[in-house]
Protein backbone atom coordinates (compact mmCIF):
# COMPACT_ATOMS: atom_id res chain seq x y z
CA MET A 1 -8.60 -10.92 20.85
CA LEU A 2 -5.88 -8.50 20.55
CA VAL A 3 -2.83 -8.91 18.41
CA LYS A 4 0.29 -7.26 19.98
CA THR A 5 3.16 -8.79 18.04
CA ILE A 6 3.57 -9.93 14.16
CA ARG A 7 6.95 -11.52 13.52
CA LYS A 8 8.26 -12.30 10.20
CA PRO A 9 10.04 -15.64 9.28
CA GLY A 10 13.42 -15.81 11.23
CA GLU A 11 12.64 -13.63 13.96
CA PRO A 12 12.73 -14.68 17.53
CA GLY A 13 9.69 -16.98 18.38
CA THR A 14 9.24 -18.17 14.70
CA HIS A 15 12.18 -20.77 14.26
CA ASN A 16 10.09 -23.78 15.18
CA LEU A 17 7.39 -22.79 12.91
CA LEU A 18 9.88 -21.99 10.06
CA LYS A 19 11.32 -25.68 10.38
CA ARG A 20 7.82 -26.87 10.12
CA PHE A 21 6.73 -24.77 7.08
CA GLY A 22 9.58 -23.41 5.62
CA GLU A 23 9.17 -20.83 2.81
CA ARG A 24 5.29 -21.26 3.08
CA LEU A 25 5.37 -19.35 6.46
CA VAL A 26 4.25 -15.71 5.85
CA CYS A 27 4.19 -14.53 9.56
CA VAL A 28 3.53 -15.49 13.08
CA ARG A 29 1.14 -13.51 15.31
CA TYR A 30 0.86 -13.41 18.87
CA ARG A 31 -3.02 -12.90 20.03
CA TYR A 32 -3.98 -12.09 23.40
CA ASP A 33 -7.40 -13.07 24.99
CA PRO A 34 -7.70 -10.75 28.28
CA ILE A 35 -11.16 -12.58 29.29
CA GLN A 36 -9.62 -16.14 29.31
CA ARG A 37 -6.10 -14.92 30.00
CA LYS A 38 -4.62 -16.83 27.33
CA ARG A 39 -1.87 -15.96 24.58
CA TYR A 40 -2.06 -17.60 21.33
CA LYS A 41 0.47 -18.00 18.73
CA THR A 42 -0.89 -18.23 15.22
CA ALA A 43 0.94 -18.86 11.80
CA GLU A 44 -0.04 -17.56 8.53
CA ILE A 45 1.10 -19.93 5.81
CA ILE A 46 0.67 -20.16 2.07
CA VAL A 47 -1.38 -23.16 1.27
CA ALA A 48 -1.77 -22.52 -2.63
CA GLU A 49 -0.16 -20.60 -5.26
CA GLU A 50 -1.52 -20.08 -8.75
CA ASP A 51 -1.05 -17.42 -11.67
CA TRP A 52 -3.42 -14.43 -11.59
CA LEU A 53 -3.94 -11.45 -13.84
CA PRO A 54 -5.49 -8.29 -12.30
CA PRO A 55 -8.44 -6.99 -13.95
CA PRO A 56 -8.04 -4.01 -15.96
CA GLU A 57 -8.14 -0.63 -14.59
CA PRO A 58 -11.19 1.23 -15.56
CA GLU A 59 -10.71 4.29 -17.84
CA LEU A 60 -10.91 7.53 -15.93
CA PRO A 61 -13.20 10.19 -17.67
CA ALA A 62 -11.28 12.99 -19.23
CA GLU A 63 -12.96 15.65 -17.06
CA PRO A 64 -13.70 14.95 -13.20
CA PRO A 65 -17.43 14.89 -12.26
CA GLN A 66 -19.10 18.11 -11.46
CA SER A 67 -19.26 17.25 -7.71
CA GLN A 68 -15.47 16.89 -7.52
CA GLN A 69 -14.89 20.13 -9.28
CA GLN A 70 -16.97 22.11 -6.50
CA GLN A 71 -15.53 20.30 -3.62
CA ARG A 72 -14.98 22.72 -0.63
CA VAL A 73 -11.54 22.76 0.80
CA GLY A 74 -10.20 25.10 3.76
CA ILE A 75 -7.56 27.47 2.97
CA ARG A 76 -6.06 30.35 5.22
CA ILE A 77 -5.69 33.97 3.67
CA ALA A 78 -4.01 36.39 5.92
CA TYR A 79 -5.85 39.74 6.59
CA HIS A 80 -3.60 41.93 4.74
CA GLU A 81 -4.06 39.80 1.44
CA ARG A 82 -6.92 41.87 0.34
CA GLU A 83 -7.00 41.25 -3.32
CA LEU A 84 -6.55 37.69 -2.72
CA ARG A 85 -9.44 37.58 -0.42
CA GLN A 86 -11.57 39.43 -2.95
CA LYS A 87 -10.81 37.03 -5.77
CA VAL A 88 -11.68 34.00 -3.73
CA SER A 89 -15.09 35.74 -2.77
CA ALA A 90 -15.79 36.56 -6.39
CA ALA A 91 -15.13 32.84 -7.14
CA GLY A 92 -17.75 31.88 -4.60
CA GLY A 93 -15.66 31.36 -1.43
CA THR A 94 -16.96 32.00 1.81
């Protein structure tokens, strides 16, 4: 199925569902099934609400792992920048 349109509450096509579900309505999606030649109107609603605390973020190491330090990146150095090309080459660049 293909989702072509997502509507927020209050937009055209959502008014009946907004009356029915009120503030619990999150969005309305129009899904299309090309095989069966059908259009489906689906509603995403909030069915439960409770407090939640996100898990603590992991502490990052002070120095990035070795693999990240040697990550290859592409750069362009003009032909006339001879000194810069030599520095890059001396640092292991190709």
